[in-house]
Amino acid sequence: MSDLWFNMAAGLLLGYALGSVPFGLLLTRFAGGGDIRSIGSGNIGATNVLRTGRKGLAALTLLLDLLKGFFAAWLAALYLPGGEIFAAAGAFFGHLFPVWLKFKGGKGVATYAGIMFGLFWQGGLVYAATWIGVLLISRISSLAGLVAALCAPLAAAIFGYYELVALLTACTLLVFWKHRANIENLMDGTEPRIGKSKS
């Protein structure tokens, strides 16, 4: 039992440490783009990095934000058995609330995809397919992320990973909370599409 408690605590710390790395901010600064928080939505995620006009940098940000969620859950499953759910939670909360940025982080969509793949690959595929499909149809990044987030706990229930439903439901609620301004824009019909400047 003591080993399990240690693995759970260590998984949480490992996940938070990985999740709290603000790749969008770091990559943009290293590329000479300044502080990503001073443009667009002020977010540190890939969609806001895309507003700098650097598609490659945005794609790398998305990939790294996804991988930090994946590796948190995957490494915990390998070396901290029983701690993988806590590592996934830590990575997600670390991305949303990084201590290094005064707890003002990203919106969690890419990191959510990563923890889904790390916890059960079937859910990761459902999440990714939904995210990409809605994005291709609507060209609205926030809408794609919101719909994908809704599918996450449903996928866990459908594939029999009932122990993940509570965590994924909490993550989905946080994604919606972080996107509350986007939801208002969606309802007003003013949410910008990929490739168009924000009015």
N, C-alpha and C. Protein backbone atom coordinates (compact mmCIF):
# COMPACT_ATOMS: atom_id res chain seq x y z
N MET A 1 0.83 -1.21 0.00
CA MET A 1 0.00 0.00 0.00
C MET A 1 0.86 1.26 0.00
N SER A 2 1.99 1.22 0.77
CA SER A 2 2.86 2.39 0.81
C SER A 2 3.46 2.66 -0.56
N ASP A 3 3.78 1.58 -1.30
CA ASP A 3 4.32 1.76 -2.65
C ASP A 3 3.29 2.42 -3.57
N LEU A 4 2.03 2.02 -3.42
CA LEU A 4 0.98 2.60 -4.25
C LEU A 4 0.83 4.09 -3.97
N TRP A 5 0.84 4.44 -2.69
CA TRP A 5 0.72 5.85 -2.34
C TRP A 5 1.89 6.66 -2.89
N PHE A 6 3.09 6.06 -2.80
CA PHE A 6 4.28 6.73 -3.35
C PHE A 6 4.13 6.91 -4.86
N ASN A 7 3.69 5.87 -5.56
CA ASN A 7 3.54 5.94 -7.00
C ASN A 7 2.49 6.97 -7.41
N MET A 8 1.43 7.07 -6.63
CA MET A 8 0.39 8.05 -6.93
C MET A 8 0.94 9.47 -6.76
N ALA A 9 1.64 9.71 -5.66
CA ALA A 9 2.19 11.04 -5.41
C ALA A 9 3.29 11.38 -6.42
N ALA A 10 4.15 10.41 -6.69
CA ALA A 10 5.23 10.64 -7.65
C ALA A 10 4.67 10.86 -9.05
N GLY A 11 3.63 10.11 -9.39
CA GLY A 11 2.99 10.28 -10.69
C GLY A 11 2.40 11.67 -10.84
N LEU A 12 1.77 12.16 -9.79
CA LEU A 12 1.19 13.50 -9.82
C LEU A 12 2.26 14.56 -10.03
N LEU A 13 3.38 14.43 -9.31
CA LEU A 13 4.47 15.39 -9.42
C LEU A 13 5.15 15.31 -10.79
N LEU A 14 5.36 14.08 -11.27
CA LEU A 14 5.95 13.89 -12.60
C LEU A 14 5.06 14.53 -13.67
N GLY A 15 3.76 14.24 -13.58
CA GLY A 15 2.83 14.79 -14.56
C GLY A 15 2.80 16.30 -14.53
N TYR A 16 2.76 16.87 -13.33
CA TYR A 16 2.71 18.33 -13.24
C TYR A 16 3.98 18.95 -13.80
N ALA A 17 5.14 18.35 -13.49
CA ALA A 17 6.41 18.89 -13.98
C ALA A 17 6.44 18.90 -15.50
N LEU A 18 6.00 17.81 -16.12
CA LEU A 18 5.98 17.74 -17.58
C LEU A 18 4.92 18.68 -18.17
N GLY A 19 3.73 18.63 -17.59
CA GLY A 19 2.62 19.41 -18.13
C GLY A 19 2.81 20.90 -18.03
N SER A 20 3.57 21.34 -17.05
CA SER A 20 3.71 22.78 -16.82
C SER A 20 4.76 23.44 -17.70
N VAL A 21 5.46 22.66 -18.54
CA VAL A 21 6.43 23.26 -19.46
C VAL A 21 5.68 24.03 -20.55
N PRO A 22 5.81 25.34 -20.62
CA PRO A 22 5.04 26.16 -21.59
C PRO A 22 5.72 26.22 -22.95
N PHE A 23 5.57 25.15 -23.72
CA PHE A 23 6.30 25.05 -24.98
C PHE A 23 5.96 26.19 -25.94
N GLY A 24 4.71 26.59 -26.02
CA GLY A 24 4.34 27.67 -26.93
C GLY A 24 5.08 28.95 -26.62
N LEU A 25 5.17 29.28 -25.34
CA LEU A 25 5.88 30.49 -24.91
C LEU A 25 7.37 30.38 -25.19
N LEU A 26 7.96 29.22 -24.84
CA LEU A 26 9.40 29.04 -25.00
C LEU A 26 9.81 29.03 -26.47
N LEU A 27 9.08 28.29 -27.29
CA LEU A 27 9.42 28.20 -28.71
C LEU A 27 9.31 29.55 -29.40
N THR A 28 8.26 30.28 -29.08
CA THR A 28 8.06 31.59 -29.71
C THR A 28 9.18 32.55 -29.32
N ARG A 29 9.59 32.51 -28.07
CA ARG A 29 10.68 33.38 -27.63
C ARG A 29 11.99 33.00 -28.30
N PHE A 30 12.27 31.68 -28.34
CA PHE A 30 13.52 31.23 -28.95
C PHE A 30 13.57 31.57 -30.43
N ALA A 31 12.40 31.60 -31.07
CA ALA A 31 12.33 31.92 -32.50
C ALA A 31 12.32 33.42 -32.76
N GLY A 32 12.41 34.22 -31.72
CA GLY A 32 12.45 35.66 -31.88
C GLY A 32 11.09 36.30 -32.02
N GLY A 33 10.04 35.58 -31.61
CA GLY A 33 8.68 36.10 -31.76
C GLY A 33 8.16 36.85 -30.55
N GLY A 34 8.99 37.02 -29.54
CA GLY A 34 8.55 37.74 -28.35
C GLY A 34 7.68 36.89 -27.45
N ASP A 35 6.86 37.56 -26.66
CA ASP A 35 5.99 36.91 -25.70
C ASP A 35 4.64 36.60 -26.35
N ILE A 36 4.34 35.33 -26.54
CA ILE A 36 3.11 34.92 -27.21
C ILE A 36 1.88 35.41 -26.47
N ARG A 37 2.03 35.69 -25.17
CA ARG A 37 0.89 36.14 -24.36
C ARG A 37 0.47 37.57 -24.69
N SER A 38 1.29 38.27 -25.49
CA SER A 38 0.97 39.66 -25.81
C SER A 38 0.22 39.82 -27.13
N ILE A 39 -0.08 38.69 -27.80
CA ILE A 39 -0.80 38.77 -29.07
C ILE A 39 -2.06 37.92 -29.02
N GLY A 40 -2.97 38.17 -29.96
CA GLY A 40 -4.16 37.34 -30.11
C GLY A 40 -4.94 37.16 -28.83
N SER A 41 -5.19 35.90 -28.49
CA SER A 41 -5.96 35.58 -27.29
C SER A 41 -5.13 35.66 -26.02
N GLY A 42 -3.80 35.77 -26.17
CA GLY A 42 -2.93 35.76 -25.01
C GLY A 42 -2.63 34.38 -24.49
N ASN A 43 -3.14 33.36 -25.17
CA ASN A 43 -2.96 31.98 -24.77
C ASN A 43 -1.58 31.48 -25.21
N ILE A 44 -1.08 30.43 -24.54
CA ILE A 44 0.24 29.90 -24.85
C ILE A 44 0.17 28.67 -25.76
N GLY A 45 -1.01 28.34 -26.25
CA GLY A 45 -1.19 27.13 -27.05
C GLY A 45 -0.93 27.33 -28.53
N ALA A 46 -1.06 26.23 -29.27
CA ALA A 46 -0.70 26.20 -30.70
C ALA A 46 -1.55 27.15 -31.54
N THR A 47 -2.84 27.28 -31.22
CA THR A 47 -3.70 28.15 -32.03
C THR A 47 -3.23 29.60 -31.97
N ASN A 48 -2.80 30.04 -30.79
CA ASN A 48 -2.31 31.41 -30.69
C ASN A 48 -0.93 31.56 -31.32
N VAL A 49 -0.11 30.52 -31.21
CA VAL A 49 1.19 30.56 -31.89
C VAL A 49 0.98 30.70 -33.40
N LEU A 50 -0.07 30.06 -33.92
CA LEU A 50 -0.38 30.15 -35.34
C LEU A 50 -0.65 31.59 -35.76
N ARG A 51 -1.13 32.41 -34.84
CA ARG A 51 -1.42 33.81 -35.17
C ARG A 51 -0.15 34.62 -35.42
N THR A 52 1.01 34.05 -35.08
CA THR A 52 2.27 34.74 -35.40
C THR A 52 2.62 34.55 -36.86
N GLY A 53 1.88 33.67 -37.55
CA GLY A 53 2.16 33.39 -38.95
C GLY A 53 3.16 32.27 -39.16
N ARG A 54 3.61 31.65 -38.08
CA ARG A 54 4.61 30.58 -38.17
C ARG A 54 3.93 29.23 -37.99
N LYS A 55 3.54 28.66 -39.11
CA LYS A 55 2.79 27.40 -39.06
C LYS A 55 3.62 26.27 -38.48
N GLY A 56 4.89 26.21 -38.84
CA GLY A 56 5.75 25.16 -38.33
C GLY A 56 5.90 25.23 -36.82
N LEU A 57 6.03 26.45 -36.31
CA LEU A 57 6.16 26.65 -34.87
C LEU A 57 4.87 26.24 -34.15
N ALA A 58 3.74 26.56 -34.76
CA ALA A 58 2.45 26.18 -34.18
C ALA A 58 2.30 24.67 -34.16
N ALA A 59 2.69 24.01 -35.25
CA ALA A 59 2.60 22.55 -35.32
C ALA A 59 3.50 21.91 -34.28
N LEU A 60 4.70 22.45 -34.09
CA LEU A 60 5.63 21.91 -33.09
C LEU A 60 5.08 22.11 -31.69
N THR A 61 4.48 23.26 -31.44
CA THR A 61 3.87 23.51 -30.14
C THR A 61 2.77 22.50 -29.85
N LEU A 62 1.91 22.27 -30.84
CA LEU A 62 0.83 21.30 -30.67
C LEU A 62 1.39 19.92 -30.37
N LEU A 63 2.41 19.50 -31.13
CA LEU A 63 3.00 18.18 -30.94
C LEU A 63 3.62 18.04 -29.55
N LEU A 64 4.37 19.04 -29.11
CA LEU A 64 5.03 18.96 -27.81
C LEU A 64 4.02 19.02 -26.67
N ASP A 65 2.97 19.82 -26.81
CA ASP A 65 1.94 19.86 -25.77
C ASP A 65 1.22 18.51 -25.68
N LEU A 66 1.04 17.86 -26.82
CA LEU A 66 0.44 16.53 -26.83
C LEU A 66 1.38 15.51 -26.19
N LEU A 67 2.66 15.55 -26.57
CA LEU A 67 3.62 14.56 -26.09
C LEU A 67 3.86 14.65 -24.59
N LYS A 68 3.79 15.85 -24.03
CA LYS A 68 4.03 15.93 -22.58
C LYS A 68 2.90 15.24 -21.81
N GLY A 69 1.68 15.30 -22.34
CA GLY A 69 0.59 14.56 -21.72
C GLY A 69 0.76 13.06 -21.89
N PHE A 70 1.16 12.66 -23.10
CA PHE A 70 1.36 11.24 -23.38
C PHE A 70 2.46 10.65 -22.50
N PHE A 71 3.61 11.31 -22.47
CA PHE A 71 4.73 10.75 -21.73
C PHE A 71 4.49 10.73 -20.22
N ALA A 72 3.74 11.68 -19.71
CA ALA A 72 3.41 11.65 -18.29
C ALA A 72 2.68 10.36 -17.93
N ALA A 73 1.62 10.04 -18.68
CA ALA A 73 0.85 8.83 -18.41
C ALA A 73 1.64 7.57 -18.74
N TRP A 74 2.37 7.58 -19.84
CA TRP A 74 3.11 6.40 -20.30
C TRP A 74 4.25 6.05 -19.35
N LEU A 75 5.02 7.06 -18.94
CA LEU A 75 6.13 6.81 -18.03
C LEU A 75 5.65 6.33 -16.67
N ALA A 76 4.54 6.90 -16.20
CA ALA A 76 4.00 6.46 -14.93
C ALA A 76 3.51 5.01 -15.01
N ALA A 77 2.89 4.65 -16.12
CA ALA A 77 2.43 3.27 -16.29
C ALA A 77 3.61 2.30 -16.27
N LEU A 78 4.75 2.71 -16.81
CA LEU A 78 5.94 1.85 -16.86
C LEU A 78 6.65 1.77 -15.51
N TYR A 79 6.84 2.90 -14.87
CA TYR A 79 7.70 2.95 -13.69
C TYR A 79 6.99 3.25 -12.38
N LEU A 80 5.75 3.69 -12.45
CA LEU A 80 4.99 4.01 -11.24
C LEU A 80 3.60 3.38 -11.33
N PRO A 81 3.53 2.06 -11.39
CA PRO A 81 2.23 1.40 -11.58
C PRO A 81 1.22 1.82 -10.52
N GLY A 82 0.03 2.17 -11.02
CA GLY A 82 -1.00 2.69 -10.14
C GLY A 82 -1.01 4.21 -10.09
N GLY A 83 0.04 4.82 -10.63
CA GLY A 83 0.13 6.28 -10.59
C GLY A 83 -0.15 6.95 -11.91
N GLU A 84 -0.52 6.15 -12.92
CA GLU A 84 -0.69 6.75 -14.25
C GLU A 84 -1.87 7.72 -14.33
N ILE A 85 -2.96 7.43 -13.63
CA ILE A 85 -4.10 8.35 -13.65
C ILE A 85 -3.71 9.68 -13.00
N PHE A 86 -2.93 9.60 -11.93
CA PHE A 86 -2.49 10.81 -11.24
C PHE A 86 -1.48 11.59 -12.09
N ALA A 87 -0.65 10.86 -12.82
CA ALA A 87 0.30 11.52 -13.72
C ALA A 87 -0.44 12.25 -14.84
N ALA A 88 -1.47 11.61 -15.38
CA ALA A 88 -2.28 12.24 -16.42
C ALA A 88 -2.96 13.49 -15.88
N ALA A 89 -3.53 13.39 -14.69
CA ALA A 89 -4.17 14.55 -14.07
C ALA A 89 -3.16 15.66 -13.83
N GLY A 90 -1.96 15.29 -13.34
CA GLY A 90 -0.94 16.29 -13.09
C GLY A 90 -0.50 17.01 -14.35
N ALA A 91 -0.35 16.25 -15.45
CA ALA A 91 0.05 16.87 -16.72
C ALA A 91 -1.00 17.84 -17.21
N PHE A 92 -2.26 17.44 -17.11
CA PHE A 92 -3.34 18.30 -17.59
C PHE A 92 -3.44 19.58 -16.76
N PHE A 93 -3.43 19.43 -15.44
CA PHE A 93 -3.53 20.60 -14.58
C PHE A 93 -2.27 21.45 -14.65
N GLY A 94 -1.12 20.81 -14.87
CA GLY A 94 0.12 21.56 -15.02
C GLY A 94 0.09 22.45 -16.25
N HIS A 95 -0.49 21.95 -17.33
CA HIS A 95 -0.59 22.75 -18.55
C HIS A 95 -1.55 23.93 -18.35
N LEU A 96 -2.67 23.67 -17.70
CA LEU A 96 -3.65 24.73 -17.49
C LEU A 96 -3.19 25.74 -16.44
N PHE A 97 -2.48 25.25 -15.42
CA PHE A 97 -2.12 26.12 -14.29
C PHE A 97 -0.64 25.95 -13.93
N PRO A 98 0.28 26.38 -14.81
CA PRO A 98 1.71 26.23 -14.53
C PRO A 98 2.19 27.25 -13.49
N VAL A 99 2.88 26.76 -12.49
CA VAL A 99 3.34 27.64 -11.43
C VAL A 99 4.31 28.69 -11.97
N TRP A 100 5.06 28.34 -13.03
CA TRP A 100 6.05 29.26 -13.60
C TRP A 100 5.39 30.49 -14.25
N LEU A 101 4.14 30.39 -14.63
CA LEU A 101 3.44 31.49 -15.29
C LEU A 101 2.30 32.03 -14.42
N LYS A 102 2.49 31.93 -13.11
CA LYS A 102 1.49 32.40 -12.15
C LYS A 102 0.14 31.71 -12.38
N PHE A 103 0.21 30.42 -12.74
CA PHE A 103 -0.97 29.55 -12.91
C PHE A 103 -1.86 29.97 -14.08
N LYS A 104 -1.29 30.72 -15.03
CA LYS A 104 -2.04 31.13 -16.22
C LYS A 104 -1.47 30.40 -17.43
N GLY A 105 -2.05 29.23 -17.75
CA GLY A 105 -1.53 28.40 -18.81
C GLY A 105 -2.45 28.30 -20.01
N GLY A 106 -2.36 27.17 -20.70
CA GLY A 106 -3.13 26.95 -21.90
C GLY A 106 -4.53 26.45 -21.63
N LYS A 107 -5.21 26.05 -22.70
CA LYS A 107 -6.60 25.61 -22.59
C LYS A 107 -6.75 24.09 -22.57
N GLY A 108 -5.64 23.37 -22.81
CA GLY A 108 -5.61 21.95 -22.51
C GLY A 108 -5.98 20.98 -23.62
N VAL A 109 -6.36 21.45 -24.80
CA VAL A 109 -6.88 20.54 -25.82
C VAL A 109 -5.82 19.55 -26.30
N ALA A 110 -4.63 20.03 -26.63
CA ALA A 110 -3.57 19.15 -27.11
C ALA A 110 -3.06 18.23 -26.01
N THR A 111 -2.87 18.76 -24.81
CA THR A 111 -2.41 17.94 -23.70
C THR A 111 -3.44 16.89 -23.34
N TYR A 112 -4.71 17.22 -23.47
CA TYR A 112 -5.80 16.26 -23.25
C TYR A 112 -5.66 15.10 -24.23
N ALA A 113 -5.38 15.40 -25.49
CA ALA A 113 -5.17 14.35 -26.48
C ALA A 113 -4.02 13.44 -26.05
N GLY A 114 -2.94 14.04 -25.55
CA GLY A 114 -1.79 13.26 -25.13
C GLY A 114 -2.09 12.31 -23.99
N ILE A 115 -2.82 12.78 -22.99
CA ILE A 115 -3.12 11.87 -21.88
C ILE A 115 -4.11 10.79 -22.30
N MET A 116 -4.96 11.10 -23.26
CA MET A 116 -5.86 10.07 -23.78
C MET A 116 -5.07 8.95 -24.44
N PHE A 117 -4.11 9.29 -25.28
CA PHE A 117 -3.27 8.27 -25.91
C PHE A 117 -2.45 7.52 -24.87
N GLY A 118 -1.99 8.22 -23.84
CA GLY A 118 -1.18 7.58 -22.82
C GLY A 118 -1.96 6.64 -21.93
N LEU A 119 -3.22 6.93 -21.69
CA LEU A 119 -4.05 6.11 -20.80
C LEU A 119 -4.69 4.94 -21.54
N PHE A 120 -5.25 5.19 -22.72
CA PHE A 120 -5.78 4.10 -23.56
C PHE A 120 -5.86 4.61 -24.99
N TRP A 121 -5.14 3.92 -25.87
CA TRP A 121 -4.95 4.40 -27.22
C TRP A 121 -6.26 4.52 -28.00
N GLN A 122 -7.24 3.65 -27.66
CA GLN A 122 -8.52 3.73 -28.37
C GLN A 122 -9.17 5.09 -28.15
N GLY A 123 -9.13 5.56 -26.91
CA GLY A 123 -9.68 6.87 -26.60
C GLY A 123 -8.92 7.98 -27.29
N GLY A 124 -7.60 7.80 -27.40
CA GLY A 124 -6.79 8.78 -28.10
C GLY A 124 -7.18 8.89 -29.56
N LEU A 125 -7.46 7.74 -30.18
CA LEU A 125 -7.88 7.76 -31.58
C LEU A 125 -9.24 8.43 -31.75
N VAL A 126 -10.17 8.15 -30.85
CA VAL A 126 -11.49 8.79 -30.91
C VAL A 126 -11.35 10.29 -30.75
N TYR A 127 -10.55 10.69 -29.78
CA TYR A 127 -10.33 12.11 -29.51
C TYR A 127 -9.72 12.80 -30.73
N ALA A 128 -8.64 12.21 -31.26
CA ALA A 128 -7.94 12.82 -32.39
C ALA A 128 -8.82 12.88 -33.63
N ALA A 129 -9.56 11.79 -33.90
CA ALA A 129 -10.42 11.76 -35.09
C ALA A 129 -11.52 12.81 -34.98
N THR A 130 -12.08 12.96 -33.79
CA THR A 130 -13.13 13.96 -33.58
C THR A 130 -12.57 15.37 -33.73
N TRP A 131 -11.45 15.60 -33.10
CA TRP A 131 -10.78 16.91 -33.14
C TRP A 131 -10.47 17.31 -34.58
N ILE A 132 -9.81 16.42 -35.30
CA ILE A 132 -9.41 16.72 -36.68
C ILE A 132 -10.63 16.84 -37.59
N GLY A 133 -11.59 15.94 -37.40
CA GLY A 133 -12.79 15.96 -38.25
C GLY A 133 -13.58 17.25 -38.12
N VAL A 134 -13.83 17.66 -36.87
CA VAL A 134 -14.59 18.90 -36.66
C VAL A 134 -13.80 20.11 -37.14
N LEU A 135 -12.48 20.08 -36.96
CA LEU A 135 -11.65 21.20 -37.41
C LEU A 135 -11.68 21.33 -38.94
N LEU A 136 -11.61 20.20 -39.63
CA LEU A 136 -11.63 20.23 -41.09
C LEU A 136 -12.97 20.74 -41.61
N ILE A 137 -14.04 20.35 -40.94
CA ILE A 137 -15.38 20.75 -41.39
C ILE A 137 -15.67 22.22 -41.06
N SER A 138 -15.36 22.61 -39.83
CA SER A 138 -15.75 23.95 -39.36
C SER A 138 -14.65 24.99 -39.49
N ARG A 139 -13.38 24.54 -39.48
CA ARG A 139 -12.23 25.44 -39.45
C ARG A 139 -12.24 26.34 -38.22
N ILE A 140 -12.88 25.87 -37.16
CA ILE A 140 -12.92 26.62 -35.90
C ILE A 140 -12.20 25.79 -34.84
N SER A 141 -11.04 26.24 -34.42
CA SER A 141 -10.20 25.48 -33.51
C SER A 141 -10.89 25.19 -32.18
N SER A 142 -11.53 26.20 -31.62
CA SER A 142 -12.15 26.03 -30.31
C SER A 142 -13.29 25.01 -30.36
N LEU A 143 -14.10 25.05 -31.40
CA LEU A 143 -15.20 24.11 -31.54
C LEU A 143 -14.69 22.68 -31.64
N ALA A 144 -13.62 22.49 -32.41
CA ALA A 144 -13.04 21.15 -32.54
C ALA A 144 -12.56 20.63 -31.19
N GLY A 145 -11.89 21.48 -30.44
CA GLY A 145 -11.41 21.07 -29.13
C GLY A 145 -12.52 20.75 -28.15
N LEU A 146 -13.57 21.55 -28.17
CA LEU A 146 -14.70 21.33 -27.27
C LEU A 146 -15.41 20.02 -27.57
N VAL A 147 -15.65 19.75 -28.85
CA VAL A 147 -16.35 18.51 -29.22
C VAL A 147 -15.48 17.30 -28.88
N ALA A 148 -14.17 17.39 -29.14
CA ALA A 148 -13.27 16.30 -28.80
C ALA A 148 -13.27 16.04 -27.29
N ALA A 149 -13.26 17.12 -26.51
CA ALA A 149 -13.27 16.99 -25.06
C ALA A 149 -14.55 16.31 -24.57
N LEU A 150 -15.67 16.62 -25.21
CA LEU A 150 -16.93 15.96 -24.85
C LEU A 150 -16.86 14.46 -25.08
N CYS A 151 -16.14 14.06 -26.13
CA CYS A 151 -16.07 12.64 -26.49
C CYS A 151 -15.17 11.83 -25.55
N ALA A 152 -14.27 12.49 -24.84
CA ALA A 152 -13.27 11.78 -24.03
C ALA A 152 -13.88 10.89 -22.95
N PRO A 153 -14.70 11.42 -22.03
CA PRO A 153 -15.29 10.53 -21.02
C PRO A 153 -16.25 9.51 -21.61
N LEU A 154 -16.92 9.87 -22.70
CA LEU A 154 -17.81 8.92 -23.38
C LEU A 154 -17.01 7.74 -23.93
N ALA A 155 -15.84 8.04 -24.51
CA ALA A 155 -15.00 6.98 -25.04
C ALA A 155 -14.52 6.05 -23.93
N ALA A 156 -14.16 6.63 -22.77
CA ALA A 156 -13.72 5.80 -21.65
C ALA A 156 -14.82 4.85 -21.21
N ALA A 157 -16.05 5.33 -21.16
CA ALA A 157 -17.18 4.48 -20.76
C ALA A 157 -17.46 3.40 -21.80
N ILE A 158 -17.41 3.79 -23.07
CA ILE A 158 -17.71 2.84 -24.15
C ILE A 158 -16.69 1.71 -24.20
N PHE A 159 -15.41 2.04 -23.99
CA PHE A 159 -14.36 1.02 -24.06
C PHE A 159 -14.11 0.33 -22.73
N GLY A 160 -14.89 0.65 -21.72
CA GLY A 160 -14.81 -0.06 -20.45
C GLY A 160 -13.77 0.45 -19.48
N TYR A 161 -13.24 1.63 -19.69
CA TYR A 161 -12.27 2.22 -18.76
C TYR A 161 -13.02 3.12 -17.77
N TYR A 162 -13.85 2.47 -16.97
CA TYR A 162 -14.75 3.22 -16.09
C TYR A 162 -13.99 4.01 -15.02
N GLU A 163 -12.78 3.52 -14.68
CA GLU A 163 -12.00 4.22 -13.66
C GLU A 163 -11.48 5.58 -14.14
N LEU A 164 -11.57 5.81 -15.45
CA LEU A 164 -11.09 7.07 -16.01
C LEU A 164 -12.20 8.10 -16.20
N VAL A 165 -13.44 7.67 -16.08
CA VAL A 165 -14.56 8.55 -16.42
C VAL A 165 -14.58 9.81 -15.55
N ALA A 166 -14.35 9.66 -14.26
CA ALA A 166 -14.40 10.82 -13.35
C ALA A 166 -13.31 11.83 -13.71
N LEU A 167 -12.08 11.34 -13.92
CA LEU A 167 -10.98 12.24 -14.27
C LEU A 167 -11.26 12.95 -15.59
N LEU A 168 -11.68 12.19 -16.60
CA LEU A 168 -11.90 12.79 -17.92
C LEU A 168 -13.09 13.74 -17.92
N THR A 169 -14.09 13.46 -17.10
CA THR A 169 -15.21 14.39 -16.98
C THR A 169 -14.73 15.71 -16.38
N ALA A 170 -13.86 15.62 -15.37
CA ALA A 170 -13.31 16.83 -14.75
C ALA A 170 -12.47 17.61 -15.76
N CYS A 171 -11.67 16.88 -16.56
CA CYS A 171 -10.85 17.54 -17.58
C CYS A 171 -11.72 18.25 -18.62
N THR A 172 -12.80 17.58 -19.02
CA THR A 172 -13.71 18.18 -20.01
C THR A 172 -14.35 19.44 -19.46
N LEU A 173 -14.77 19.40 -18.22
CA LEU A 173 -15.37 20.60 -17.62
C LEU A 173 -14.37 21.75 -17.56
N LEU A 174 -13.11 21.43 -17.28
CA LEU A 174 -12.09 22.47 -17.24
C LEU A 174 -11.81 23.03 -18.63
N VAL A 175 -11.82 22.17 -19.65
CA VAL A 175 -11.65 22.64 -21.02
C VAL A 175 -12.75 23.63 -21.37
N PHE A 176 -13.99 23.30 -21.00
CA PHE A 176 -15.12 24.20 -21.28
C PHE A 176 -14.96 25.51 -20.50
N TRP A 177 -14.50 25.42 -19.27
CA TRP A 177 -14.32 26.62 -18.47
C TRP A 177 -13.24 27.52 -19.08
N LYS A 178 -12.14 26.92 -19.53
CA LYS A 178 -11.06 27.70 -20.14
C LYS A 178 -11.49 28.30 -21.48
N HIS A 179 -12.50 27.69 -22.11
CA HIS A 179 -12.99 28.18 -23.40
C HIS A 179 -14.25 29.02 -23.28
N ARG A 180 -14.55 29.53 -22.09
CA ARG A 180 -15.83 30.21 -21.90
C ARG A 180 -15.98 31.43 -22.80
N ALA A 181 -14.88 32.16 -23.05
CA ALA A 181 -14.97 33.30 -23.97
C ALA A 181 -15.21 32.82 -25.40
N ASN A 182 -14.57 31.70 -25.76
CA ASN A 182 -14.79 31.14 -27.10
C ASN A 182 -16.23 30.68 -27.27
N ILE A 183 -16.80 30.11 -26.22
CA ILE A 183 -18.19 29.64 -26.28
C ILE A 183 -19.13 30.81 -26.52
N GLU A 184 -18.87 31.92 -25.85
CA GLU A 184 -19.69 33.12 -26.08
C GLU A 184 -19.58 33.57 -27.53
N ASN A 185 -18.36 33.54 -28.07
CA ASN A 185 -18.16 33.93 -29.47
C ASN A 185 -18.85 32.96 -30.43
N LEU A 186 -18.81 31.67 -30.10
CA LEU A 186 -19.48 30.68 -30.93
C LEU A 186 -20.99 30.93 -30.95
N MET A 187 -21.54 31.27 -29.81
CA MET A 187 -22.97 31.53 -29.72
C MET A 187 -23.34 32.81 -30.47
N ASP A 188 -22.40 33.77 -30.49
CA ASP A 188 -22.65 35.03 -31.20
C ASP A 188 -22.30 34.95 -32.68
N GLY A 189 -21.65 33.87 -33.09
CA GLY A 189 -21.21 33.73 -34.47
C GLY A 189 -19.98 34.56 -34.82
N THR A 190 -19.19 34.92 -33.78
CA THR A 190 -18.03 35.77 -34.02
C THR A 190 -16.71 35.05 -33.78
N GLU A 191 -16.75 33.76 -33.52
CA GLU A 191 -15.51 33.03 -33.27
C GLU A 191 -14.72 32.92 -34.58
N PRO A 192 -13.43 33.31 -34.56
CA PRO A 192 -12.63 33.31 -35.79
C PRO A 192 -12.34 31.88 -36.29
N ARG A 193 -12.22 31.75 -37.60
CA ARG A 193 -11.87 30.49 -38.22
C ARG A 193 -10.37 30.47 -38.52
N ILE A 194 -9.83 29.27 -38.60
CA ILE A 194 -8.42 29.12 -38.94
C ILE A 194 -8.17 29.73 -40.32
N GLY A 195 -7.13 30.56 -40.39
CA GLY A 195 -6.81 31.19 -41.67
C GLY A 195 -7.40 32.58 -41.84
N LYS A 196 -8.25 32.97 -40.88
CA LYS A 196 -8.84 34.32 -40.94
C LYS A 196 -8.45 35.08 -39.68
N SER A 197 -8.21 36.36 -39.80
CA SER A 197 -7.85 37.17 -38.65
C SER A 197 -9.05 37.39 -37.76
N LYS A 198 -8.77 37.56 -36.48
CA LYS A 198 -9.83 37.78 -35.51
C LYS A 198 -10.37 39.19 -35.65
N SER A 199 -11.69 39.31 -35.78
CA SER A 199 -12.28 40.65 -35.93
C SER A 199 -12.29 41.38 -34.62
